[in-house]
Amino acid sequence: MTGILLIVQIVLVVMITIAVLLQKSSSIGLGAYSGSNESVFGAKGPGSFLAKVTFFLGFVFVVNTIALGYFYAQQSNASVVDSMVETTEVAAPTINIVNDTNTTK
């Protein structure tokens, strides 16, 4: 599930970047290269249409980010130590304590 949401996140980032760059700004942005796009979007131009698209994409981006955070938090509840194998074939070394009673004090 997180893989799909991560791909959607990357696509949303690209779409938001394109929508922002197509909007007119003080330096015109990439809107200068799109030709006469005012006839496509109506008499007011692409301003209101692109603003609505950018707002919608931003909202979906925030919701997707919250969902990704939730699913990653659910995955992080499992620890790596929980999945370790407890059985082993290596025997622990034993210590032989020799009580030497022939030593002098």
N, C-alpha and C. Protein backbone atom coordinates (compact mmCIF):
# COMPACT_ATOMS: atom_id res chain seq x y z
N MET A 1 0.82 -1.19 0.00
CA MET A 1 0.00 0.00 0.00
C MET A 1 0.87 1.26 0.00
N THR A 2 1.94 1.22 0.79
CA THR A 2 2.80 2.41 0.85
C THR A 2 3.52 2.62 -0.47
N GLY A 3 3.80 1.56 -1.18
CA GLY A 3 4.45 1.70 -2.49
C GLY A 3 3.57 2.45 -3.48
N ILE A 4 2.29 2.12 -3.49
CA ILE A 4 1.35 2.79 -4.39
C ILE A 4 1.20 4.26 -4.00
N LEU A 5 1.08 4.52 -2.71
CA LEU A 5 0.94 5.90 -2.25
C LEU A 5 2.20 6.72 -2.52
N LEU A 6 3.35 6.07 -2.46
CA LEU A 6 4.60 6.77 -2.75
C LEU A 6 4.68 7.15 -4.24
N ILE A 7 4.23 6.26 -5.10
CA ILE A 7 4.20 6.57 -6.54
C ILE A 7 3.21 7.70 -6.81
N VAL A 8 2.04 7.66 -6.16
CA VAL A 8 1.06 8.74 -6.30
C VAL A 8 1.65 10.06 -5.81
N GLN A 9 2.42 10.01 -4.74
CA GLN A 9 3.05 11.22 -4.20
C GLN A 9 4.01 11.83 -5.21
N ILE A 10 4.80 11.01 -5.87
CA ILE A 10 5.75 11.51 -6.86
C ILE A 10 5.02 12.11 -8.05
N VAL A 11 3.95 11.45 -8.51
CA VAL A 11 3.16 11.98 -9.62
C VAL A 11 2.52 13.31 -9.23
N LEU A 12 2.02 13.40 -8.01
CA LEU A 12 1.41 14.66 -7.54
C LEU A 12 2.43 15.78 -7.50
N VAL A 13 3.65 15.48 -7.08
CA VAL A 13 4.69 16.51 -7.03
C VAL A 13 4.97 17.05 -8.43
N VAL A 14 5.06 16.16 -9.40
CA VAL A 14 5.31 16.59 -10.78
C VAL A 14 4.15 17.43 -11.30
N MET A 15 2.92 16.99 -11.03
CA MET A 15 1.74 17.72 -11.50
C MET A 15 1.62 19.09 -10.84
N ILE A 16 1.90 19.18 -9.55
CA ILE A 16 1.85 20.48 -8.86
C ILE A 16 2.92 21.41 -9.42
N THR A 17 4.09 20.88 -9.67
CA THR A 17 5.17 21.70 -10.23
C THR A 17 4.79 22.25 -11.59
N ILE A 18 4.20 21.42 -12.44
CA ILE A 18 3.77 21.89 -13.76
C ILE A 18 2.67 22.92 -13.64
N ALA A 19 1.68 22.67 -12.74
CA ALA A 19 0.57 23.62 -12.57
C ALA A 19 1.06 24.97 -12.07
N VAL A 20 2.03 24.97 -11.18
CA VAL A 20 2.55 26.23 -10.65
C VAL A 20 3.36 26.96 -11.73
N LEU A 21 4.15 26.23 -12.49
CA LEU A 21 4.97 26.87 -13.52
C LEU A 21 4.14 27.41 -14.68
N LEU A 22 2.96 26.84 -14.93
CA LEU A 22 2.10 27.34 -16.00
C LEU A 22 1.37 28.61 -15.62
N GLN A 23 1.28 28.92 -14.34
CA GLN A 23 0.56 30.12 -13.92
C GLN A 23 1.39 31.36 -14.23
N LYS A 24 0.69 32.43 -14.49
CA LYS A 24 1.38 33.68 -14.77
C LYS A 24 1.93 34.26 -13.48
N SER A 25 3.12 34.78 -13.57
CA SER A 25 3.72 35.45 -12.43
C SER A 25 4.37 36.72 -12.92
N SER A 26 5.15 37.36 -12.09
CA SER A 26 5.80 38.60 -12.51
C SER A 26 6.83 38.33 -13.61
N SER A 27 7.38 37.14 -13.64
CA SER A 27 8.34 36.81 -14.70
C SER A 27 7.71 35.90 -15.75
N ILE A 28 6.41 35.78 -15.77
CA ILE A 28 5.61 35.02 -16.72
C ILE A 28 5.75 33.51 -16.57
N GLY A 29 6.86 32.97 -16.13
CA GLY A 29 7.04 31.53 -15.94
C GLY A 29 6.99 30.78 -17.26
N LEU A 30 6.53 29.56 -17.25
CA LEU A 30 6.42 28.77 -18.47
C LEU A 30 5.14 29.06 -19.24
N GLY A 31 4.29 29.92 -18.70
CA GLY A 31 3.06 30.28 -19.40
C GLY A 31 3.34 30.97 -20.72
N ALA A 32 4.50 31.58 -20.87
CA ALA A 32 4.86 32.25 -22.13
C ALA A 32 5.06 31.24 -23.24
N TYR A 33 5.40 30.02 -22.93
CA TYR A 33 5.68 29.02 -23.95
C TYR A 33 4.45 28.23 -24.37
N SER A 34 3.34 28.45 -23.72
CA SER A 34 2.15 27.66 -24.01
C SER A 34 1.30 28.25 -25.11
N GLY A 35 1.67 29.35 -25.68
CA GLY A 35 0.91 29.93 -26.79
C GLY A 35 -0.28 30.72 -26.27
N SER A 36 -1.33 30.75 -27.07
CA SER A 36 -2.52 31.51 -26.67
C SER A 36 -3.46 30.59 -25.90
N ASN A 37 -3.13 30.32 -24.67
CA ASN A 37 -3.95 29.40 -23.87
C ASN A 37 -5.15 30.10 -23.26
N GLU A 38 -5.29 31.43 -23.45
CA GLU A 38 -6.45 32.10 -22.90
C GLU A 38 -7.73 31.68 -23.60
N SER A 39 -7.65 31.32 -24.89
CA SER A 39 -8.84 30.92 -25.62
C SER A 39 -9.32 29.54 -25.16
N VAL A 40 -8.43 28.72 -24.67
CA VAL A 40 -8.81 27.38 -24.21
C VAL A 40 -9.54 27.45 -22.88
N PHE A 41 -9.08 28.31 -21.97
CA PHE A 41 -9.62 28.35 -20.61
C PHE A 41 -10.70 29.40 -20.41
N GLY A 42 -11.06 30.16 -21.43
CA GLY A 42 -12.11 31.15 -21.30
C GLY A 42 -11.55 32.56 -21.39
N ALA A 43 -12.43 33.54 -21.19
CA ALA A 43 -12.05 34.95 -21.34
C ALA A 43 -11.13 35.42 -20.23
N LYS A 44 -11.27 34.87 -19.04
CA LYS A 44 -10.42 35.29 -17.92
C LYS A 44 -9.03 34.72 -18.01
N GLY A 45 -8.84 33.76 -18.87
CA GLY A 45 -7.52 33.16 -19.00
C GLY A 45 -7.35 31.98 -18.07
N PRO A 46 -6.13 31.47 -17.99
CA PRO A 46 -5.89 30.26 -17.21
C PRO A 46 -5.76 30.52 -15.71
N GLY A 47 -5.85 31.77 -15.29
CA GLY A 47 -5.61 32.10 -13.89
C GLY A 47 -6.51 31.36 -12.92
N SER A 48 -7.80 31.47 -13.10
CA SER A 48 -8.71 30.84 -12.15
C SER A 48 -8.72 29.32 -12.31
N PHE A 49 -8.64 28.83 -13.56
CA PHE A 49 -8.63 27.39 -13.78
C PHE A 49 -7.39 26.76 -13.17
N LEU A 50 -6.22 27.34 -13.45
CA LEU A 50 -4.99 26.78 -12.91
C LEU A 50 -4.91 26.94 -11.39
N ALA A 51 -5.50 28.00 -10.87
CA ALA A 51 -5.52 28.17 -9.41
C ALA A 51 -6.36 27.07 -8.76
N LYS A 52 -7.48 26.74 -9.37
CA LYS A 52 -8.34 25.67 -8.82
C LYS A 52 -7.64 24.31 -8.92
N VAL A 53 -6.98 24.07 -10.06
CA VAL A 53 -6.27 22.81 -10.23
C VAL A 53 -5.13 22.70 -9.22
N THR A 54 -4.41 23.81 -9.02
CA THR A 54 -3.30 23.80 -8.07
C THR A 54 -3.81 23.57 -6.65
N PHE A 55 -4.92 24.21 -6.30
CA PHE A 55 -5.50 24.00 -4.97
C PHE A 55 -5.93 22.55 -4.78
N PHE A 56 -6.59 21.97 -5.79
CA PHE A 56 -7.04 20.59 -5.70
C PHE A 56 -5.85 19.63 -5.58
N LEU A 57 -4.82 19.84 -6.40
CA LEU A 57 -3.64 18.97 -6.33
C LEU A 57 -2.92 19.12 -4.99
N GLY A 58 -2.89 20.35 -4.47
CA GLY A 58 -2.28 20.57 -3.16
C GLY A 58 -3.04 19.86 -2.05
N PHE A 59 -4.37 19.90 -2.14
CA PHE A 59 -5.19 19.21 -1.13
C PHE A 59 -4.98 17.70 -1.19
N VAL A 60 -4.95 17.14 -2.39
CA VAL A 60 -4.73 15.70 -2.55
C VAL A 60 -3.33 15.33 -2.07
N PHE A 61 -2.35 16.22 -2.31
CA PHE A 61 -0.98 15.99 -1.86
C PHE A 61 -0.92 15.92 -0.33
N VAL A 62 -1.61 16.83 0.35
CA VAL A 62 -1.60 16.83 1.82
C VAL A 62 -2.28 15.58 2.36
N VAL A 63 -3.40 15.20 1.78
CA VAL A 63 -4.11 13.99 2.24
C VAL A 63 -3.24 12.75 2.00
N ASN A 64 -2.56 12.70 0.86
CA ASN A 64 -1.69 11.57 0.56
C ASN A 64 -0.49 11.53 1.52
N THR A 65 0.03 12.69 1.87
CA THR A 65 1.15 12.75 2.82
C THR A 65 0.73 12.24 4.19
N ILE A 66 -0.47 12.61 4.64
CA ILE A 66 -0.97 12.13 5.94
C ILE A 66 -1.18 10.62 5.89
N ALA A 67 -1.73 10.12 4.78
CA ALA A 67 -1.93 8.67 4.65
C ALA A 67 -0.59 7.93 4.64
N LEU A 68 0.41 8.47 3.94
CA LEU A 68 1.73 7.84 3.95
C LEU A 68 2.33 7.82 5.34
N GLY A 69 2.19 8.91 6.07
CA GLY A 69 2.70 8.95 7.45
C GLY A 69 2.01 7.93 8.33
N TYR A 70 0.71 7.76 8.16
CA TYR A 70 -0.04 6.79 8.96
C TYR A 70 0.43 5.36 8.65
N PHE A 71 0.55 5.04 7.37
CA PHE A 71 0.93 3.67 7.02
C PHE A 71 2.37 3.37 7.40
N TYR A 72 3.26 4.35 7.27
CA TYR A 72 4.65 4.13 7.70
C TYR A 72 4.73 3.97 9.22
N ALA A 73 3.88 4.68 9.96
CA ALA A 73 3.87 4.52 11.42
C ALA A 73 3.34 3.14 11.81
N GLN A 74 2.39 2.61 11.07
CA GLN A 74 1.87 1.28 11.34
C GLN A 74 2.94 0.22 11.07
N GLN A 75 3.75 0.44 10.03
CA GLN A 75 4.81 -0.51 9.72
C GLN A 75 5.93 -0.47 10.74
N SER A 76 6.16 0.69 11.32
CA SER A 76 7.29 0.81 12.24
C SER A 76 6.98 0.24 13.62
N ASN A 77 5.74 -0.18 13.89
CA ASN A 77 5.42 -0.82 15.17
C ASN A 77 6.10 -2.18 15.29
N ALA A 78 6.33 -2.83 14.18
CA ALA A 78 7.02 -4.12 14.20
C ALA A 78 8.52 -3.87 14.27
N SER A 79 9.17 -4.58 15.17
CA SER A 79 10.61 -4.41 15.35
C SER A 79 11.36 -5.50 14.61
N VAL A 80 12.58 -5.21 14.26
CA VAL A 80 13.44 -6.20 13.61
C VAL A 80 13.74 -7.33 14.59
N VAL A 81 13.84 -7.02 15.85
CA VAL A 81 14.14 -8.02 16.88
C VAL A 81 13.00 -9.03 16.98
N ASP A 82 11.77 -8.59 16.71
CA ASP A 82 10.63 -9.51 16.78
C ASP A 82 10.72 -10.62 15.74
N SER A 83 11.35 -10.35 14.63
CA SER A 83 11.41 -11.35 13.56
C SER A 83 12.68 -12.19 13.61
N MET A 84 13.50 -12.02 14.62
CA MET A 84 14.73 -12.82 14.71
C MET A 84 14.42 -14.24 15.16
N VAL A 85 15.21 -15.17 14.67
CA VAL A 85 15.05 -16.57 15.03
C VAL A 85 15.72 -16.79 16.39
N GLU A 86 14.97 -17.42 17.29
CA GLU A 86 15.47 -17.60 18.65
C GLU A 86 16.30 -18.87 18.81
N THR A 87 16.10 -19.85 17.96
CA THR A 87 16.82 -21.11 18.13
C THR A 87 18.17 -21.04 17.44
N THR A 88 19.14 -21.69 18.05
CA THR A 88 20.48 -21.75 17.48
C THR A 88 21.08 -23.10 17.80
N GLU A 89 22.01 -23.54 16.97
CA GLU A 89 22.65 -24.82 17.17
C GLU A 89 23.99 -24.68 17.88
N VAL A 90 24.40 -23.49 18.18
CA VAL A 90 25.68 -23.27 18.85
C VAL A 90 25.44 -23.38 20.35
N ALA A 91 26.23 -24.25 20.97
CA ALA A 91 26.10 -24.44 22.41
C ALA A 91 26.98 -23.42 23.12
N ALA A 92 26.49 -22.92 24.20
CA ALA A 92 27.27 -21.97 24.99
C ALA A 92 28.38 -22.72 25.72
N PRO A 93 29.55 -22.13 25.82
CA PRO A 93 30.65 -22.82 26.52
C PRO A 93 30.36 -22.89 28.02
N THR A 94 30.79 -23.97 28.60
CA THR A 94 30.59 -24.14 30.04
C THR A 94 31.90 -23.88 30.77
N ILE A 95 31.79 -23.41 31.98
CA ILE A 95 32.96 -23.13 32.80
C ILE A 95 33.06 -24.23 33.85
N ASN A 96 34.18 -24.90 33.87
CA ASN A 96 34.42 -25.93 34.88
C ASN A 96 35.21 -25.31 36.02
N ILE A 97 34.62 -25.26 37.16
CA ILE A 97 35.31 -24.72 38.33
C ILE A 97 35.94 -25.90 39.08
N VAL A 98 37.25 -25.85 39.16
CA VAL A 98 37.98 -26.90 39.84
C VAL A 98 38.30 -26.39 41.23
N ASN A 99 37.89 -27.16 42.20
CA ASN A 99 38.16 -26.80 43.60
C ASN A 99 39.41 -27.53 44.04
N ASP A 100 40.50 -26.84 44.08
CA ASP A 100 41.78 -27.46 44.46
C ASP A 100 41.94 -27.35 45.99
N THR A 101 41.83 -28.48 46.65
CA THR A 101 41.95 -28.47 48.12
C THR A 101 43.37 -28.70 48.59
N ASN A 102 44.30 -28.94 47.70
CA ASN A 102 45.69 -29.21 48.07
C ASN A 102 46.53 -27.94 48.16
N THR A 103 45.97 -26.83 47.92
CA THR A 103 46.74 -25.59 47.98
C THR A 103 46.93 -25.18 49.43
N THR A 104 48.09 -24.63 49.70
CA THR A 104 48.38 -24.18 51.07
C THR A 104 48.05 -22.71 51.21
N LYS A 105 47.70 -22.38 52.42
CA LYS A 105 47.34 -20.99 52.69
C LYS A 105 48.43 -20.28 53.38
